[in-house]
Amino acid sequence: MALGDPTELGLHSCRIVLEIKQVFSIVVFGSIVNEGYVNRVDEVEEHCIFNRNHNACNYGITVGVLAFLSCLLYLALDAYFPQISSVKDRKKAVLSDIGVSAFWAFLWFVGFCFLTNQWQASKPEDNPLNEGGDAARAAITFSFFSIFTWAGQAFLAYQRFQLGADSALFSQDYMDPSQDSGMPYAPYTNEEDAADAVGTYQQPPPADAFDTETQGYQTQNY
């Protein structure tokens, strides 16, 4: 979709950005699911690698999965966007892109801070073999990257909204100029009306009409 053509405004500036966000979300929840749970030698039950706090693992998995699904949703909406003829619907779609992207950027920021804090608070005796360390660091790193990808997407969506507003696509409803009630129209007349108008028009009486009225009048000579 061309940025310079306001009628072809899409929800996302580039599908590559969406695919990158998908990869980041997969790395985050995939790392936690695969290697985010460890146990001590004398334990059978596995605990979250982030300070044995299951809330930290659950948060990372939940945000990662939902972010991945959001990317799929907006990929589908991006493909369908050119077929949206309603200006109001296009405006709502772009505004939703701004809001959702900003919201996910905030959630990733919270996730990055939460996972980092819990990873630093983890005790070496809880994981003496240092299992899953790379997975934990990968989840933290890609949570950090996701903040900027989603925030950048919100900014690009805002630029698209501004472009649409400047082109009057989003500021008012499009109306065909021929349907504008404010335009002056020439009075409409058909052939029958024109014929009636000619027929009812009083033509000036012929000159000999006065002769018929004065035939009986005789002039006197003085």
C-alpha atoms as a PDB file:
ATOM      1  CA  MET A   1       0.000   0.000   0.000  1.00  0.00           C
ATOM      2  CA  ALA A   2       1.392   3.308  -0.996  1.00  0.00           C
ATOM      3  CA  LEU A   3       1.908   5.838   1.735  1.00  0.00           C
ATOM      4  CA  GLY A   4       1.417   8.700  -0.695  1.00  0.00           C
ATOM      5  CA  ASP A   5      -2.071   7.538  -1.717  1.00  0.00           C
ATOM      6  CA  PRO A   6      -4.508   8.392   1.092  1.00  0.00           C
ATOM      7  CA  THR A   7      -7.227   6.179  -0.393  1.00  0.00           C
ATOM      8  CA  GLU A   8      -5.020   3.134   0.100  1.00  0.00           C
ATOM      9  CA  LEU A   9      -4.115   3.766   3.719  1.00  0.00           C
ATOM     10  CA  GLY A  10      -3.460   0.446   5.506  1.00  0.00           C
ATOM     11  CA  LEU A  11      -3.385  -0.357   9.168  1.00  0.00           C
ATOM     12  CA  HIS A  12       0.335  -1.090   9.206  1.00  0.00           C
ATOM     13  CA  SER A  13       3.181   0.612   7.438  1.00  0.00           C
ATOM     14  CA  CYS A  14       4.885  -2.674   6.583  1.00  0.00           C
ATOM     15  CA  ARG A  15       3.963  -6.292   7.078  1.00  0.00           C
ATOM     16  CA  ILE A  16       7.575  -7.006   7.951  1.00  0.00           C
ATOM     17  CA  VAL A  17       7.025  -5.121  11.211  1.00  0.00           C
ATOM     18  CA  LEU A  18       4.123  -7.410  12.058  1.00  0.00           C
ATOM     19  CA  GLU A  19       6.158 -10.488  11.265  1.00  0.00           C
ATOM     20  CA  ILE A  20       9.008  -9.254  13.449  1.00  0.00           C
ATOM     21  CA  LYS A  21       6.605  -8.734  16.337  1.00  0.00           C
ATOM     22  CA  GLN A  22       5.277 -12.229  15.815  1.00  0.00           C
ATOM     23  CA  VAL A  23       8.786 -13.672  15.995  1.00  0.00           C
ATOM     24  CA  PHE A  24       9.542 -11.743  19.177  1.00  0.00           C
ATOM     25  CA  SER A  25       6.359 -12.941  20.865  1.00  0.00           C
ATOM     26  CA  ILE A  26       7.076 -16.545  19.843  1.00  0.00           C
ATOM     27  CA  VAL A  27      10.579 -16.334  21.302  1.00  0.00           C
ATOM     28  CA  VAL A  28       9.261 -14.978  24.610  1.00  0.00           C
ATOM     29  CA  PHE A  29       6.513 -17.475  25.319  1.00  0.00           C
ATOM     30  CA  GLY A  30       8.348 -20.331  23.601  1.00  0.00           C
ATOM     31  CA  SER A  31      11.441 -19.852  25.770  1.00  0.00           C
ATOM     32  CA  ILE A  32       9.391 -19.844  28.958  1.00  0.00           C
ATOM     33  CA  VAL A  33       7.264 -22.828  27.983  1.00  0.00           C
ATOM     34  CA  ASN A  34      10.231 -24.978  26.942  1.00  0.00           C
ATOM     35  CA  GLU A  35      12.855 -24.097  29.536  1.00  0.00           C
ATOM     36  CA  GLY A  36      11.198 -21.733  31.959  1.00  0.00           C
ATOM     37  CA  TYR A  37      10.470 -24.330  34.627  1.00  0.00           C
ATOM     38  CA  VAL A  38      13.179 -26.102  36.657  1.00  0.00           C
ATOM     39  CA  ASN A  39      13.383 -28.036  39.911  1.00  0.00           C
ATOM     40  CA  ARG A  40      15.952 -28.795  42.542  1.00  0.00           C
ATOM     41  CA  VAL A  41      17.648 -32.158  42.839  1.00  0.00           C
ATOM     42  CA  ASP A  42      15.547 -33.061  45.858  1.00  0.00           C
ATOM     43  CA  GLU A  43      12.276 -31.886  44.295  1.00  0.00           C
ATOM     44  CA  VAL A  44       9.888 -33.383  41.816  1.00  0.00           C
ATOM     45  CA  GLU A  45       7.672 -30.376  41.164  1.00  0.00           C
ATOM     46  CA  GLU A  46       9.044 -27.810  38.745  1.00  0.00           C
ATOM     47  CA  HIS A  47       8.983 -24.109  39.537  1.00  0.00           C
ATOM     48  CA  CYS A  48       9.270 -20.986  37.430  1.00  0.00           C
ATOM     49  CA  ILE A  49      12.868 -20.087  36.690  1.00  0.00           C
ATOM     50  CA  PHE A  50      12.139 -16.449  37.538  1.00  0.00           C
ATOM     51  CA  ASN A  51      12.569 -16.587  41.319  1.00  0.00           C
ATOM     52  CA  ARG A  52      10.177 -19.545  41.522  1.00  0.00           C
ATOM     53  CA  ASN A  53       7.386 -17.064  40.861  1.00  0.00           C
ATOM     54  CA  HIS A  54       4.732 -18.677  38.701  1.00  0.00           C
ATOM     55  CA  ASN A  55       3.124 -15.304  38.082  1.00  0.00           C
ATOM     56  CA  ALA A  56       6.218 -14.193  36.190  1.00  0.00           C
ATOM     57  CA  CYS A  57       6.139 -17.197  33.884  1.00  0.00           C
ATOM     58  CA  ASN A  58       2.384 -16.957  33.431  1.00  0.00           C
ATOM     59  CA  TYR A  59       2.632 -13.291  32.567  1.00  0.00           C
ATOM     60  CA  GLY A  60       5.328 -13.854  29.945  1.00  0.00           C
ATOM     61  CA  ILE A  61       3.433 -16.726  28.347  1.00  0.00           C
ATOM     62  CA  THR A  62       0.084 -14.930  28.358  1.00  0.00           C
ATOM     63  CA  VAL A  63       1.412 -11.684  26.901  1.00  0.00           C
ATOM     64  CA  GLY A  64       3.437 -13.533  24.283  1.00  0.00           C
ATOM     65  CA  VAL A  65       0.534 -15.662  23.089  1.00  0.00           C
ATOM     66  CA  LEU A  66      -1.967 -12.804  23.003  1.00  0.00           C
ATOM     67  CA  ALA A  67       0.508 -10.559  21.198  1.00  0.00           C
ATOM     68  CA  PHE A  68       1.021 -13.273  18.594  1.00  0.00           C
ATOM     69  CA  LEU A  69      -2.742 -13.586  18.080  1.00  0.00           C
ATOM     70  CA  SER A  70      -3.071  -9.805  17.815  1.00  0.00           C
ATOM     71  CA  CYS A  71      -0.482  -9.797  15.051  1.00  0.00           C
ATOM     72  CA  LEU A  72      -2.448 -12.441  13.146  1.00  0.00           C
ATOM     73  CA  LEU A  73      -5.630 -10.413  13.556  1.00  0.00           C
ATOM     74  CA  TYR A  74      -4.079  -7.226  12.232  1.00  0.00           C
ATOM     75  CA  LEU A  75      -2.421  -9.063   9.371  1.00  0.00           C
ATOM     76  CA  ALA A  76      -5.868 -10.221   8.283  1.00  0.00           C
ATOM     77  CA  LEU A  77      -7.311  -6.752   8.788  1.00  0.00           C
ATOM     78  CA  ASP A  78      -4.446  -5.225   6.834  1.00  0.00           C
ATOM     79  CA  ALA A  79      -5.223  -7.500   3.897  1.00  0.00           C
ATOM     80  CA  TYR A  80      -8.933  -6.631   4.102  1.00  0.00           C
ATOM     81  CA  PHE A  81      -8.382  -2.890   4.574  1.00  0.00           C
ATOM     82  CA  PRO A  82      -8.440  -1.861   0.868  1.00  0.00           C
ATOM     83  CA  GLN A  83     -11.917  -3.370   0.568  1.00  0.00           C
ATOM     84  CA  ILE A  84     -13.329  -1.165   3.322  1.00  0.00           C
ATOM     85  CA  SER A  85     -15.313   1.521   1.516  1.00  0.00           C
ATOM     86  CA  SER A  86     -16.689   3.313   4.564  1.00  0.00           C
ATOM     87  CA  VAL A  87     -14.562   6.256   5.662  1.00  0.00           C
ATOM     88  CA  LYS A  88     -15.782   5.884   9.250  1.00  0.00           C
ATOM     89  CA  ASP A  89     -14.774   2.222   9.346  1.00  0.00           C
ATOM     90  CA  ARG A  90     -11.321   3.052   8.000  1.00  0.00           C
ATOM     91  CA  LYS A  91     -10.886   5.709  10.635  1.00  0.00           C
ATOM     92  CA  LYS A  92     -11.916   3.294  13.389  1.00  0.00           C
ATOM     93  CA  ALA A  93      -9.505   0.667  12.071  1.00  0.00           C
ATOM     94  CA  VAL A  94      -6.535   3.036  12.102  1.00  0.00           C
ATOM     95  CA  LEU A  95      -7.456   4.386  15.545  1.00  0.00           C
ATOM     96  CA  SER A  96      -7.693   0.836  16.875  1.00  0.00           C
ATOM     97  CA  ASP A  97      -4.229   0.137  15.491  1.00  0.00           C
ATOM     98  CA  ILE A  98      -2.871   3.127  17.412  1.00  0.00           C
ATOM     99  CA  GLY A  99      -4.574   2.124  20.661  1.00  0.00           C
ATOM    100  CA  VAL A 100      -3.762  -1.581  20.501  1.00  0.00           C
ATOM    101  CA  SER A 101      -0.113  -1.000  19.592  1.00  0.00           C
ATOM    102  CA  ALA A 102       0.355   1.512  22.414  1.00  0.00           C
ATOM    103  CA  PHE A 103      -1.378  -0.848  24.848  1.00  0.00           C
ATOM    104  CA  TRP A 104       0.876  -3.770  23.920  1.00  0.00           C
ATOM    105  CA  ALA A 105       3.966  -1.586  24.166  1.00  0.00           C
ATOM    106  CA  PHE A 106       2.934  -0.840  27.757  1.00  0.00           C
ATOM    107  CA  LEU A 107       2.321  -4.516  28.534  1.00  0.00           C
ATOM    108  CA  TRP A 108       5.738  -5.459  27.156  1.00  0.00           C
ATOM    109  CA  PHE A 109       7.356  -2.749  29.251  1.00  0.00           C
ATOM    110  CA  VAL A 110       5.682  -4.150  32.351  1.00  0.00           C
ATOM    111  CA  GLY A 111       6.728  -7.664  31.351  1.00  0.00           C
ATOM    112  CA  PHE A 112      10.333  -6.655  30.795  1.00  0.00           C
ATOM    113  CA  CYS A 113      10.546  -4.968  34.200  1.00  0.00           C
ATOM    114  CA  PHE A 114       8.767  -7.856  35.935  1.00  0.00           C
ATOM    115  CA  LEU A 115      10.898 -10.611  34.396  1.00  0.00           C
ATOM    116  CA  THR A 116      14.126  -8.688  34.910  1.00  0.00           C
ATOM    117  CA  ASN A 117      13.347  -8.048  38.548  1.00  0.00           C
ATOM    118  CA  GLN A 118      12.423 -11.664  39.235  1.00  0.00           C
ATOM    119  CA  TRP A 119      15.471 -12.975  37.368  1.00  0.00           C
ATOM    120  CA  GLN A 120      17.788 -10.801  39.430  1.00  0.00           C
ATOM    121  CA  ALA A 121      16.055 -11.967  42.613  1.00  0.00           C
ATOM    122  CA  SER A 122      16.495 -15.648  41.731  1.00  0.00           C
ATOM    123  CA  LYS A 123      18.671 -17.651  44.155  1.00  0.00           C
ATOM    124  CA  PRO A 124      21.501 -19.826  42.797  1.00  0.00           C
ATOM    125  CA  GLU A 125      20.471 -22.696  45.091  1.00  0.00           C
ATOM    126  CA  ASP A 126      17.091 -22.827  43.373  1.00  0.00           C
ATOM    127  CA  ASN A 127      18.844 -23.699  40.110  1.00  0.00           C
ATOM    128  CA  PRO A 128      22.264 -25.160  40.938  1.00  0.00           C
ATOM    129  CA  LEU A 129      22.814 -26.508  37.413  1.00  0.00           C
ATOM    130  CA  ASN A 130      21.905 -23.139  35.882  1.00  0.00           C
ATOM    131  CA  GLU A 131      19.344 -24.754  33.631  1.00  0.00           C
ATOM    132  CA  GLY A 132      17.244 -22.525  31.428  1.00  0.00           C
ATOM    133  CA  GLY A 133      19.460 -19.495  31.915  1.00  0.00           C
ATOM    134  CA  ASP A 134      19.704 -18.777  28.204  1.00  0.00           C
ATOM    135  CA  ALA A 135      15.944 -19.119  27.793  1.00  0.00           C
ATOM    136  CA  ALA A 136      15.302 -16.699  30.645  1.00  0.00           C
ATOM    137  CA  ARG A 137      17.690 -14.122  29.207  1.00  0.00           C
ATOM    138  CA  ALA A 138      16.148 -14.558  25.739  1.00  0.00           C
ATOM    139  CA  ALA A 139      12.661 -13.925  27.147  1.00  0.00           C
ATOM    140  CA  ILE A 140      13.881 -10.765  28.878  1.00  0.00           C
ATOM    141  CA  THR A 141      15.781  -9.520  25.822  1.00  0.00           C
ATOM    142  CA  PHE A 142      12.957 -10.003  23.358  1.00  0.00           C
ATOM    143  CA  SER A 143      10.475  -8.482  25.792  1.00  0.00           C
ATOM    144  CA  PHE A 144      12.670  -5.391  25.676  1.00  0.00           C
ATOM    145  CA  PHE A 145      12.770  -5.414  21.870  1.00  0.00           C
ATOM    146  CA  SER A 146       9.012  -5.828  21.718  1.00  0.00           C
ATOM    147  CA  ILE A 147       8.528  -2.535  23.544  1.00  0.00           C
ATOM    148  CA  PHE A 148      10.081  -0.631  20.661  1.00  0.00           C
ATOM    149  CA  THR A 149       8.416  -2.609  17.888  1.00  0.00           C
ATOM    150  CA  TRP A 150       4.934  -2.030  19.295  1.00  0.00           C
ATOM    151  CA  ALA A 151       5.653   1.601  20.207  1.00  0.00           C
ATOM    152  CA  GLY A 152       7.069   2.166  16.731  1.00  0.00           C
ATOM    153  CA  GLN A 153       3.974   0.613  15.222  1.00  0.00           C
ATOM    154  CA  ALA A 154       1.763   2.973  17.224  1.00  0.00           C
ATOM    155  CA  PHE A 155       3.769   5.923  15.945  1.00  0.00           C
ATOM    156  CA  LEU A 156       3.543   4.772  12.317  1.00  0.00           C
ATOM    157  CA  ALA A 157      -0.197   4.215  12.674  1.00  0.00           C
ATOM    158  CA  TYR A 158      -0.533   7.746  14.065  1.00  0.00           C
ATOM    159  CA  GLN A 159       1.335   9.095  11.048  1.00  0.00           C
ATOM    160  CA  ARG A 160      -1.102   7.261   8.802  1.00  0.00           C
ATOM    161  CA  PHE A 161      -4.011   8.747  10.676  1.00  0.00           C
ATOM    162  CA  GLN A 162      -2.536  12.232  10.252  1.00  0.00           C
ATOM    163  CA  LEU A 163      -2.078  11.606   6.541  1.00  0.00           C
ATOM    164  CA  GLY A 164      -5.703  10.560   6.257  1.00  0.00           C
ATOM    165  CA  ALA A 165      -6.865  13.578   8.261  1.00  0.00           C
ATOM    166  CA  ASP A 166      -4.836  15.974   6.116  1.00  0.00           C
ATOM    167  CA  SER A 167      -6.358  14.499   2.971  1.00  0.00           C
ATOM    168  CA  ALA A 168      -9.885  14.977   4.423  1.00  0.00           C
ATOM    169  CA  LEU A 169     -10.561  11.239   4.249  1.00  0.00           C
ATOM    170  CA  PHE A 170     -11.012  10.925   8.008  1.00  0.00           C
ATOM    171  CA  SER A 171     -12.156  14.445   8.860  1.00  0.00           C
ATOM    172  CA  GLN A 172     -15.473  14.265   7.022  1.00  0.00           C
ATOM    173  CA  ASP A 173     -17.644  11.799   5.167  1.00  0.00           C
ATOM    174  CA  TYR A 174     -16.931  11.518   1.502  1.00  0.00           C
ATOM    175  CA  MET A 175     -19.762  12.742  -0.675  1.00  0.00           C
ATOM    176  CA  ASP A 176     -20.075  12.615  -4.403  1.00  0.00           C
ATOM    177  CA  PRO A 177     -20.090  16.234  -5.648  1.00  0.00           C
ATOM    178  CA  SER A 178     -23.088  15.446  -7.854  1.00  0.00           C
ATOM    179  CA  GLN A 179     -25.052  14.542  -4.710  1.00  0.00           C
ATOM    180  CA  ASP A 180     -24.182  17.709  -2.821  1.00  0.00           C
ATOM    181  CA  SER A 181     -27.460  19.429  -1.934  1.00  0.00           C
ATOM    182  CA  GLY A 182     -25.660  22.755  -1.628  1.00  0.00           C
ATOM    183  CA  MET A 183     -24.736  22.935  -5.310  1.00  0.00           C
ATOM    184  CA  PRO A 184     -26.911  25.175  -7.489  1.00  0.00           C
ATOM    185  CA  TYR A 185     -28.949  23.351 -10.086  1.00  0.00           C
ATOM    186  CA  ALA A 186     -30.520  24.610 -13.269  1.00  0.00           C
ATOM    187  CA  PRO A 187     -34.342  24.308 -13.129  1.00  0.00           C
ATOM    188  CA  TYR A 188     -35.475  21.085 -14.687  1.00  0.00           C
ATOM    189  CA  THR A 189     -38.119  21.167 -17.378  1.00  0.00           C
ATOM    190  CA  ASN A 190     -39.201  18.468 -19.759  1.00  0.00           C
ATOM    191  CA  GLU A 191     -40.535  18.859 -23.258  1.00  0.00           C
ATOM    192  CA  GLU A 192     -44.199  18.625 -22.209  1.00  0.00           C
ATOM    193  CA  ASP A 193     -43.801  21.373 -19.630  1.00  0.00           C
ATOM    194  CA  ALA A 194     -42.077  23.516 -22.217  1.00  0.00           C
ATOM    195  CA  ALA A 195     -44.898  22.944 -24.692  1.00  0.00           C
ATOM    196  CA  ASP A 196     -47.521  23.833 -22.084  1.00  0.00           C
ATOM    197  CA  ALA A 197     -45.651  26.954 -21.177  1.00  0.00           C
ATOM    198  CA  VAL A 198     -45.585  28.046 -24.799  1.00  0.00           C
ATOM    199  CA  GLY A 199     -49.223  27.197 -25.276  1.00  0.00           C
ATOM    200  CA  THR A 200     -50.434  29.223 -22.305  1.00  0.00           C
ATOM    201  CA  TYR A 201     -48.273  32.216 -23.126  1.00  0.00           C
ATOM    202  CA  GLN A 202     -50.341  35.151 -24.318  1.00  0.00           C
ATOM    203  CA  GLN A 203     -49.124  36.168 -27.745  1.00  0.00           C
ATOM    204  CA  PRO A 204     -49.815  39.758 -28.799  1.00  0.00           C
ATOM    205  CA  PRO A 205     -53.027  40.028 -30.865  1.00  0.00           C
ATOM    206  CA  PRO A 206     -52.547  40.310 -34.612  1.00  0.00           C
ATOM    207  CA  ALA A 207     -52.793  43.696 -36.218  1.00  0.00           C
ATOM    208  CA  ASP A 208     -56.004  42.858 -38.140  1.00  0.00           C
ATOM    209  CA  ALA A 209     -57.801  42.111 -34.895  1.00  0.00           C
ATOM    210  CA  PHE A 210     -58.310  45.831 -34.422  1.00  0.00           C
ATOM    211  CA  ASP A 211     -59.685  46.128 -37.951  1.00  0.00           C
ATOM    212  CA  THR A 212     -62.558  43.737 -37.111  1.00  0.00           C
ATOM    213  CA  GLU A 213     -63.507  45.824 -34.167  1.00  0.00           C
ATOM    214  CA  THR A 214     -63.491  49.069 -36.176  1.00  0.00           C
ATOM    215  CA  GLN A 215     -65.244  47.794 -39.286  1.00  0.00           C
ATOM    216  CA  GLY A 216     -68.606  49.144 -38.121  1.00  0.00           C
ATOM    217  CA  TYR A 217     -67.259  52.541 -37.218  1.00  0.00           C
ATOM    218  CA  GLN A 218     -67.414  55.214 -39.838  1.00  0.00           C
ATOM    219  CA  THR A 219     -65.397  58.317 -39.643  1.00  0.00           C
ATOM    220  CA  GLN A 220     -67.159  61.654 -39.965  1.00  0.00           C
ATOM    221  CA  ASN A 221     -65.836  64.332 -42.111  1.00  0.00           C
ATOM    222  CA  TYR A 222     -65.964  67.739 -40.597  1.00  0.00           C
END
